[in-house]
Each structure stands twice: as structure tokens, then as C-alpha cells.
Amino acid sequence: MNRIIGLVFGTSLYVSALAASPSTEPVVWHLDRPDVLAGLPAKIHGQPSASSAEGITFNGKTDALFLATNPIEGLAEFTIEIHFRPDADGPAEQRFFHVEDQDKSRLLFETRTLAGGRWALDTFLYTAKSKRTLLDVSKTHPCGQWTWVALRFANGHMSHAINGELELEGEVAFAPMRAGTTSIGVRQNLVSWFKGSIREIRFHRTALALEALAHD
């Protein structure tokens, strides 16, 4: 269980469960109800719907969740995996997962919605001293299908994968993050809304090998 260490937007700020435990097991957020994720209270924006089959569905205009926790706080290396299904009629640019800390360092998963019912993955790491975007709009994937996406970071190297297949990689100086907040379904300043569904998010305290990544 995460520990309370402070307050933010009217709810409790929690220490990352990964940082608090030496276990090699991932922390898993099953998105089956919008008000609580992995025992953490969530602030609901709009009216995202939830079901056991679809996870949480976001309408691309007003739906999002906010949590007073940084799930990768204090980690020098990590992997984040997200099981999601983007809709073909979503906005052109969508930020569906955003972590930001007290120093404004941040991590984002994004999509670019493209013609022909396709999408491309955009991942982003940022600090005041260094940043890196991984995006290639020629590498596309079909909308409307459940897909595992993963972002890995270790030793100044980030990469992202689709269904366990390496897609892009690059170098970035990304120091361990401090306490912060997480949004799902939108960037934290309420722009770039996500349209689609998210079932599960996994956080690992190591940069997993490609063969260990989840895939459909």
C-alpha cells in the first residue's frame, strides 16, 4: 500500500509503490472503476465509463482521471506498459498518460490519429536540462484494436515498443522523478483529450527485455 505524504488538489499525495518496495513484481493498475485505481482515489473529470470488458472509456472531449501520485517516483530505470484501444475518430493529437513531478519533469504517452483509421505512438521524456520525443508517423497501427504499448528507460536510453516489438529509441538525460501527479485521458493542463479505452497499466522498476513485454 502506498504511503500518504502530503496533499494535492483536495486528495492525498502518495509515495510510489515501486519506490517503497524492493519487489521485482510490477505495480498493476486495473482500470475497472474510475474513482479508485489500485487502491488510490482518483479525481474524475467528465464522465468516463467503466466495465470489466472495456476498462475505462474516454470520450475525447471531457473525460479524464487524475491521481495524486507519481508511480515511477525515485526510479533510475523503469518500464511502463499500457493496454489501450484508440478510436479512429479521436482528436489528431492525444495525450493519454501523463506523469509530472514537482520540478516539472514529465513523461507522456501520446497518439497521432492519422488518415485511414491509423495511429502512431509518440512518447516523451522531459527535464529542465534534457528532453526526447520518439515519434515516426510512418510507423502506424490500426485504430479500434487492443494494443500493448511500452516505454522503457535506463542509463540515459529510452525506447518504446508496440506489442513487444521495438519501434523507436533515443538518448536522453532523465533523472529520477520526485513526487508528482498522474493524469489518464488528457494532458494535465486539460488539452489533447484521448478518445478510446484503457484496460490496464503496469509499472516495472527495471527496463524490461523486449521478450518480457506484454503483447496481444
C-alpha atoms as a PDB file:
ATOM      1  CA  MET A   1       0.000   0.000   0.000  1.00  0.00           C
ATOM      2  CA  ASN A   2       1.265   3.474  -0.817  1.00  0.00           C
ATOM      3  CA  ARG A   3       2.054   5.929   1.987  1.00  0.00           C
ATOM      4  CA  ILE A   4       0.396   9.356   2.383  1.00  0.00           C
ATOM      5  CA  ILE A   5       2.981  12.165   2.358  1.00  0.00           C
ATOM      6  CA  GLY A   6       1.063  15.313   1.527  1.00  0.00           C
ATOM      7  CA  LEU A   7      -1.917  16.912  -0.143  1.00  0.00           C
ATOM      8  CA  VAL A   8      -2.716  17.980  -3.696  1.00  0.00           C
ATOM      9  CA  PHE A   9      -5.984  19.042  -5.393  1.00  0.00           C
ATOM     10  CA  GLY A  10      -8.019  18.093  -2.327  1.00  0.00           C
ATOM     11  CA  THR A  11      -6.886  14.481  -2.043  1.00  0.00           C
ATOM     12  CA  SER A  12      -3.818  12.656  -0.739  1.00  0.00           C
ATOM     13  CA  LEU A  13      -0.406  12.590  -2.365  1.00  0.00           C
ATOM     14  CA  TYR A  14       1.135   9.115  -2.259  1.00  0.00           C
ATOM     15  CA  VAL A  15       4.657   7.742  -2.496  1.00  0.00           C
ATOM     16  CA  SER A  16       5.192   5.425  -5.455  1.00  0.00           C
ATOM     17  CA  ALA A  17       4.544   1.806  -4.510  1.00  0.00           C
ATOM     18  CA  LEU A  18       7.515   0.844  -6.694  1.00  0.00           C
ATOM     19  CA  ALA A  19       9.895   3.139  -4.817  1.00  0.00           C
ATOM     20  CA  ALA A  20       8.574   1.926  -1.472  1.00  0.00           C
ATOM     21  CA  SER A  21       9.093  -1.787  -2.185  1.00  0.00           C
ATOM     22  CA  PRO A  22      12.139  -3.787  -3.366  1.00  0.00           C
ATOM     23  CA  SER A  23       9.879  -6.368  -5.041  1.00  0.00           C
ATOM     24  CA  THR A  24      10.558  -7.215  -8.683  1.00  0.00           C
ATOM     25  CA  GLU A  25       6.824  -7.635  -9.290  1.00  0.00           C
ATOM     26  CA  PRO A  26       5.154  -4.803 -11.228  1.00  0.00           C
ATOM     27  CA  VAL A  27       2.576  -2.478  -9.778  1.00  0.00           C
ATOM     28  CA  VAL A  28      -0.578  -3.052 -11.843  1.00  0.00           C
ATOM     29  CA  TRP A  29      -3.453  -0.635 -12.256  1.00  0.00           C
ATOM     30  CA  HIS A  30      -6.582  -2.430 -13.483  1.00  0.00           C
ATOM     31  CA  LEU A  31      -8.880   0.245 -14.897  1.00  0.00           C
ATOM     32  CA  ASP A  32     -12.247  -1.194 -13.931  1.00  0.00           C
ATOM     33  CA  ARG A  33     -13.703   1.735 -11.968  1.00  0.00           C
ATOM     34  CA  PRO A  34     -12.974   5.445 -12.435  1.00  0.00           C
ATOM     35  CA  ASP A  35     -12.967   6.559  -8.799  1.00  0.00           C
ATOM     36  CA  VAL A  36     -10.236   4.223  -7.495  1.00  0.00           C
ATOM     37  CA  LEU A  37      -7.124   2.780  -9.157  1.00  0.00           C
ATOM     38  CA  ALA A  38      -5.007   0.220  -7.275  1.00  0.00           C
ATOM     39  CA  GLY A  39      -6.468   1.477  -4.019  1.00  0.00           C
ATOM     40  CA  LEU A  40      -5.738   5.119  -4.818  1.00  0.00           C
ATOM     41  CA  PRO A  41      -8.538   7.691  -5.001  1.00  0.00           C
ATOM     42  CA  ALA A  42      -8.928   9.298  -8.424  1.00  0.00           C
ATOM     43  CA  LYS A  43     -10.335  12.712  -9.252  1.00  0.00           C
ATOM     44  CA  ILE A  44     -12.816  12.277 -12.107  1.00  0.00           C
ATOM     45  CA  HIS A  45     -13.171  14.863 -14.862  1.00  0.00           C
ATOM     46  CA  GLY A  46     -16.227  14.450 -17.079  1.00  0.00           C
ATOM     47  CA  GLN A  47     -17.982  11.083 -17.092  1.00  0.00           C
ATOM     48  CA  PRO A  48     -15.601   8.294 -18.157  1.00  0.00           C
ATOM     49  CA  SER A  49     -17.423   4.963 -18.179  1.00  0.00           C
ATOM     50  CA  ALA A  50     -16.074   1.665 -16.891  1.00  0.00           C
ATOM     51  CA  SER A  51     -16.715  -2.035 -17.458  1.00  0.00           C
ATOM     52  CA  SER A  52     -14.836  -5.275 -16.858  1.00  0.00           C
ATOM     53  CA  ALA A  53     -14.544  -5.918 -20.610  1.00  0.00           C
ATOM     54  CA  GLU A  54     -13.658  -2.451 -21.874  1.00  0.00           C
ATOM     55  CA  GLY A  55     -11.755  -0.964 -18.951  1.00  0.00           C
ATOM     56  CA  ILE A  56     -12.338   2.788 -18.772  1.00  0.00           C
ATOM     57  CA  THR A  57     -13.642   4.569 -21.870  1.00  0.00           C
ATOM     58  CA  PHE A  58     -12.884   8.247 -22.544  1.00  0.00           C
ATOM     59  CA  ASN A  59     -14.909  10.449 -24.903  1.00  0.00           C
ATOM     60  CA  GLY A  60     -12.059  12.564 -26.329  1.00  0.00           C
ATOM     61  CA  LYS A  61     -13.598  15.831 -25.094  1.00  0.00           C
ATOM     62  CA  THR A  62     -14.131  15.964 -21.325  1.00  0.00           C
ATOM     63  CA  ASP A  63     -13.229  12.605 -19.749  1.00  0.00           C
ATOM     64  CA  ALA A  64     -10.084  12.087 -17.673  1.00  0.00           C
ATOM     65  CA  LEU A  65      -8.748  10.791 -14.356  1.00  0.00           C
ATOM     66  CA  PHE A  66      -6.233  12.493 -12.055  1.00  0.00           C
ATOM     67  CA  LEU A  67      -4.258  10.783  -9.293  1.00  0.00           C
ATOM     68  CA  ALA A  68      -2.079  12.389  -6.638  1.00  0.00           C
ATOM     69  CA  THR A  69       0.810  10.009  -7.158  1.00  0.00           C
ATOM     70  CA  ASN A  70       3.889   9.550  -9.324  1.00  0.00           C
ATOM     71  CA  PRO A  71       4.134   5.776  -9.913  1.00  0.00           C
ATOM     72  CA  ILE A  72       7.789   5.976 -11.034  1.00  0.00           C
ATOM     73  CA  GLU A  73       8.991   8.385  -8.337  1.00  0.00           C
ATOM     74  CA  GLY A  74      12.629   7.801  -7.393  1.00  0.00           C
ATOM     75  CA  LEU A  75      13.362   5.222 -10.099  1.00  0.00           C
ATOM     76  CA  ALA A  76      16.574   5.422 -12.128  1.00  0.00           C
ATOM     77  CA  GLU A  77      15.152   2.915 -14.604  1.00  0.00           C
ATOM     78  CA  PHE A  78      11.650   1.727 -15.360  1.00  0.00           C
ATOM     79  CA  THR A  79       9.155   0.275 -17.827  1.00  0.00           C
ATOM     80  CA  ILE A  80       5.562   1.427 -18.222  1.00  0.00           C
ATOM     81  CA  GLU A  81       3.146  -0.763 -20.196  1.00  0.00           C
ATOM     82  CA  ILE A  82      -0.351   0.330 -21.197  1.00  0.00           C
ATOM     83  CA  HIS A  83      -3.115  -1.796 -22.726  1.00  0.00           C
ATOM     84  CA  PHE A  84      -5.351   0.513 -24.716  1.00  0.00           C
ATOM     85  CA  ARG A  85      -7.629   0.836 -27.742  1.00  0.00           C
ATOM     86  CA  PRO A  86      -7.678   4.203 -29.562  1.00  0.00           C
ATOM     87  CA  ASP A  87     -10.745   5.126 -31.594  1.00  0.00           C
ATOM     88  CA  ALA A  88     -10.440   6.154 -35.240  1.00  0.00           C
ATOM     89  CA  ASP A  89     -12.476   9.348 -34.738  1.00  0.00           C
ATOM     90  CA  GLY A  90     -10.380  10.759 -31.902  1.00  0.00           C
ATOM     91  CA  PRO A  91      -8.523  14.103 -31.966  1.00  0.00           C
ATOM     92  CA  ALA A  92      -5.393  14.415 -34.099  1.00  0.00           C
ATOM     93  CA  GLU A  93      -3.131  14.674 -31.033  1.00  0.00           C
ATOM     94  CA  GLN A  94      -3.974  12.834 -27.829  1.00  0.00           C
ATOM     95  CA  ARG A  95      -2.124  12.629 -24.513  1.00  0.00           C
ATOM     96  CA  PHE A  96      -3.490   9.517 -22.827  1.00  0.00           C
ATOM     97  CA  PHE A  97      -0.977   9.143 -19.965  1.00  0.00           C
ATOM     98  CA  HIS A  98       0.951  11.961 -18.277  1.00  0.00           C
ATOM     99  CA  VAL A  99       3.172  11.949 -15.176  1.00  0.00           C
ATOM    100  CA  GLU A 100       4.663  15.220 -13.914  1.00  0.00           C
ATOM    101  CA  ASP A 101       6.659  15.922 -10.760  1.00  0.00           C
ATOM    102  CA  GLN A 102       7.367  18.909  -8.514  1.00  0.00           C
ATOM    103  CA  ASP A 103      10.263  20.019 -10.754  1.00  0.00           C
ATOM    104  CA  LYS A 104       8.100  19.898 -13.908  1.00  0.00           C
ATOM    105  CA  SER A 105       9.934  16.839 -15.207  1.00  0.00           C
ATOM    106  CA  ARG A 106       7.407  14.785 -17.122  1.00  0.00           C
ATOM    107  CA  LEU A 107       6.651  11.619 -19.063  1.00  0.00           C
ATOM    108  CA  LEU A 108       3.907  11.252 -21.653  1.00  0.00           C
ATOM    109  CA  PHE A 109       2.319   8.624 -23.871  1.00  0.00           C
ATOM    110  CA  GLU A 110       0.589  10.201 -26.861  1.00  0.00           C
ATOM    111  CA  THR A 111      -1.005   9.213 -30.150  1.00  0.00           C
ATOM    112  CA  ARG A 112      -1.247  10.882 -33.511  1.00  0.00           C
ATOM    113  CA  THR A 113      -4.502   9.948 -35.262  1.00  0.00           C
ATOM    114  CA  LEU A 114      -3.878   9.561 -38.995  1.00  0.00           C
ATOM    115  CA  ALA A 115      -5.845   9.007 -42.179  1.00  0.00           C
ATOM    116  CA  GLY A 116      -7.260   5.593 -42.945  1.00  0.00           C
ATOM    117  CA  GLY A 117      -8.060   4.701 -39.351  1.00  0.00           C
ATOM    118  CA  ARG A 118      -4.408   4.504 -38.283  1.00  0.00           C
ATOM    119  CA  TRP A 119      -2.429   5.910 -35.360  1.00  0.00           C
ATOM    120  CA  ALA A 120       1.223   6.453 -34.453  1.00  0.00           C
ATOM    121  CA  LEU A 121       2.748   6.347 -30.970  1.00  0.00           C
ATOM    122  CA  ASP A 122       4.535   9.367 -29.521  1.00  0.00           C
ATOM    123  CA  THR A 123       6.453   9.024 -26.240  1.00  0.00           C
ATOM    124  CA  PHE A 124       8.152  11.917 -24.472  1.00  0.00           C
ATOM    125  CA  LEU A 125      10.579  12.442 -21.585  1.00  0.00           C
ATOM    126  CA  TYR A 126      11.406  15.941 -20.349  1.00  0.00           C
ATOM    127  CA  THR A 127      13.555  17.615 -17.722  1.00  0.00           C
ATOM    128  CA  ALA A 128      14.798  21.189 -17.498  1.00  0.00           C
ATOM    129  CA  LYS A 129      18.139  20.030 -18.944  1.00  0.00           C
ATOM    130  CA  SER A 130      17.167  17.380 -21.485  1.00  0.00           C
ATOM    131  CA  LYS A 131      14.224  16.079 -23.486  1.00  0.00           C
ATOM    132  CA  ARG A 132      13.456  13.458 -26.109  1.00  0.00           C
ATOM    133  CA  THR A 133      10.458  12.730 -28.327  1.00  0.00           C
ATOM    134  CA  LEU A 134      10.076   9.359 -30.038  1.00  0.00           C
ATOM    135  CA  LEU A 135       7.673   9.667 -32.980  1.00  0.00           C
ATOM    136  CA  ASP A 136       7.654   8.390 -36.545  1.00  0.00           C
ATOM    137  CA  VAL A 137       4.314   8.881 -38.313  1.00  0.00           C
ATOM    138  CA  SER A 138       5.334   6.363 -40.977  1.00  0.00           C
ATOM    139  CA  LYS A 139       5.092   3.626 -38.309  1.00  0.00           C
ATOM    140  CA  THR A 140       1.338   3.239 -37.979  1.00  0.00           C
ATOM    141  CA  HIS A 141      -1.118   0.873 -36.333  1.00  0.00           C
ATOM    142  CA  PRO A 142      -4.854   0.215 -36.783  1.00  0.00           C
ATOM    143  CA  CYS A 143      -7.335   2.063 -34.602  1.00  0.00           C
ATOM    144  CA  GLY A 144     -10.039   0.088 -32.847  1.00  0.00           C
ATOM    145  CA  GLN A 145      -7.722  -2.756 -31.789  1.00  0.00           C
ATOM    146  CA  TRP A 146      -6.432  -3.527 -28.300  1.00  0.00           C
ATOM    147  CA  THR A 147      -2.696  -2.901 -28.239  1.00  0.00           C
ATOM    148  CA  TRP A 148       0.094  -3.014 -25.656  1.00  0.00           C
ATOM    149  CA  VAL A 149       2.441  -0.030 -25.762  1.00  0.00           C
ATOM    150  CA  ALA A 150       5.555   0.214 -23.599  1.00  0.00           C
ATOM    151  CA  LEU A 151       8.086   2.900 -22.676  1.00  0.00           C
ATOM    152  CA  ARG A 152      11.431   1.769 -21.250  1.00  0.00           C
ATOM    153  CA  PHE A 153      14.223   3.886 -19.741  1.00  0.00           C
ATOM    154  CA  ALA A 154      17.655   3.008 -18.291  1.00  0.00           C
ATOM    155  CA  ASN A 155      21.152   4.526 -18.354  1.00  0.00           C
ATOM    156  CA  GLY A 156      20.182   7.522 -20.461  1.00  0.00           C
ATOM    157  CA  HIS A 157      18.427   5.409 -23.092  1.00  0.00           C
ATOM    158  CA  MET A 158      14.687   5.398 -23.793  1.00  0.00           C
ATOM    159  CA  SER A 159      12.734   3.232 -26.199  1.00  0.00           C
ATOM    160  CA  HIS A 160       9.162   2.378 -26.958  1.00  0.00           C
ATOM    161  CA  ALA A 161       7.593  -0.823 -28.219  1.00  0.00           C
ATOM    162  CA  ILE A 162       4.275  -1.933 -29.701  1.00  0.00           C
ATOM    163  CA  ASN A 163       3.060  -5.400 -28.678  1.00  0.00           C
ATOM    164  CA  GLY A 164       6.584  -6.306 -27.597  1.00  0.00           C
ATOM    165  CA  GLU A 165       8.244  -5.138 -30.824  1.00  0.00           C
ATOM    166  CA  LEU A 166      10.838  -2.361 -30.608  1.00  0.00           C
ATOM    167  CA  GLU A 167       9.758   0.662 -32.634  1.00  0.00           C
ATOM    168  CA  LEU A 168      11.920   3.672 -31.706  1.00  0.00           C
ATOM    169  CA  GLU A 169      14.755   4.549 -29.312  1.00  0.00           C
ATOM    170  CA  GLY A 170      16.954   7.500 -28.375  1.00  0.00           C
ATOM    171  CA  GLU A 171      19.192   9.073 -25.742  1.00  0.00           C
ATOM    172  CA  VAL A 172      18.026  11.450 -23.005  1.00  0.00           C
ATOM    173  CA  ALA A 173      19.336  12.530 -19.592  1.00  0.00           C
ATOM    174  CA  PHE A 174      16.359  11.744 -17.367  1.00  0.00           C
ATOM    175  CA  ALA A 175      16.997  11.865 -13.616  1.00  0.00           C
ATOM    176  CA  PRO A 176      14.734  10.018 -11.161  1.00  0.00           C
ATOM    177  CA  MET A 177      11.496  11.927 -10.727  1.00  0.00           C
ATOM    178  CA  ARG A 178      10.220  13.390  -7.480  1.00  0.00           C
ATOM    179  CA  ALA A 179       6.687  13.296  -6.036  1.00  0.00           C
ATOM    180  CA  GLY A 180       4.051  14.370  -8.501  1.00  0.00           C
ATOM    181  CA  THR A 181       0.719  13.663 -10.164  1.00  0.00           C
ATOM    182  CA  THR A 182      -0.659  11.442 -12.919  1.00  0.00           C
ATOM    183  CA  SER A 183      -3.403  12.025 -15.460  1.00  0.00           C
ATOM    184  CA  ILE A 184      -5.066   9.443 -17.686  1.00  0.00           C
ATOM    185  CA  GLY A 185      -7.084  10.519 -20.717  1.00  0.00           C
ATOM    186  CA  VAL A 186      -5.673  14.021 -21.113  1.00  0.00           C
ATOM    187  CA  ARG A 187      -2.592  16.153 -20.562  1.00  0.00           C
ATOM    188  CA  GLN A 188      -2.645  17.681 -17.097  1.00  0.00           C
ATOM    189  CA  ASN A 189      -3.381  21.187 -18.417  1.00  0.00           C
ATOM    190  CA  LEU A 190      -6.612  19.806 -19.984  1.00  0.00           C
ATOM    191  CA  VAL A 191      -5.555  19.781 -23.630  1.00  0.00           C
ATOM    192  CA  SER A 192      -5.185  16.873 -26.097  1.00  0.00           C
ATOM    193  CA  TRP A 193      -8.001  14.621 -24.889  1.00  0.00           C
ATOM    194  CA  PHE A 194      -7.981  10.867 -25.578  1.00  0.00           C
ATOM    195  CA  LYS A 195     -10.853   9.004 -27.251  1.00  0.00           C
ATOM    196  CA  GLY A 196     -10.859   5.287 -26.661  1.00  0.00           C
ATOM    197  CA  SER A 197     -10.449   2.783 -23.835  1.00  0.00           C
ATOM    198  CA  ILE A 198      -7.679   1.760 -21.425  1.00  0.00           C
ATOM    199  CA  ARG A 199      -7.757  -1.549 -19.561  1.00  0.00           C
ATOM    200  CA  GLU A 200      -4.500  -1.842 -17.667  1.00  0.00           C
ATOM    201  CA  ILE A 201      -1.270  -0.003 -16.805  1.00  0.00           C
ATOM    202  CA  ARG A 202       1.814  -1.773 -15.444  1.00  0.00           C
ATOM    203  CA  PHE A 203       4.837  -0.180 -13.783  1.00  0.00           C
ATOM    204  CA  HIS A 204       8.154  -2.031 -13.501  1.00  0.00           C
ATOM    205  CA  ARG A 205      11.265  -0.865 -11.649  1.00  0.00           C
ATOM    206  CA  THR A 206      13.578  -2.101 -14.431  1.00  0.00           C
ATOM    207  CA  ALA A 207      13.868  -1.661 -18.189  1.00  0.00           C
ATOM    208  CA  LEU A 208      12.371  -4.985 -19.277  1.00  0.00           C
ATOM    209  CA  ALA A 209      13.830  -7.057 -22.086  1.00  0.00           C
ATOM    210  CA  LEU A 210      11.699  -6.981 -25.226  1.00  0.00           C
ATOM    211  CA  GLU A 211      10.741 -10.624 -24.818  1.00  0.00           C
ATOM    212  CA  ALA A 212       9.329  -9.845 -21.341  1.00  0.00           C
ATOM    213  CA  LEU A 213       6.952  -7.137 -22.586  1.00  0.00           C
ATOM    214  CA  ALA A 214       3.216  -7.773 -22.780  1.00  0.00           C
ATOM    215  CA  HIS A 215       1.671  -8.230 -26.226  1.00  0.00           C
ATOM    216  CA  ASP A 216      -1.636  -9.135 -27.839  1.00  0.00           C
END
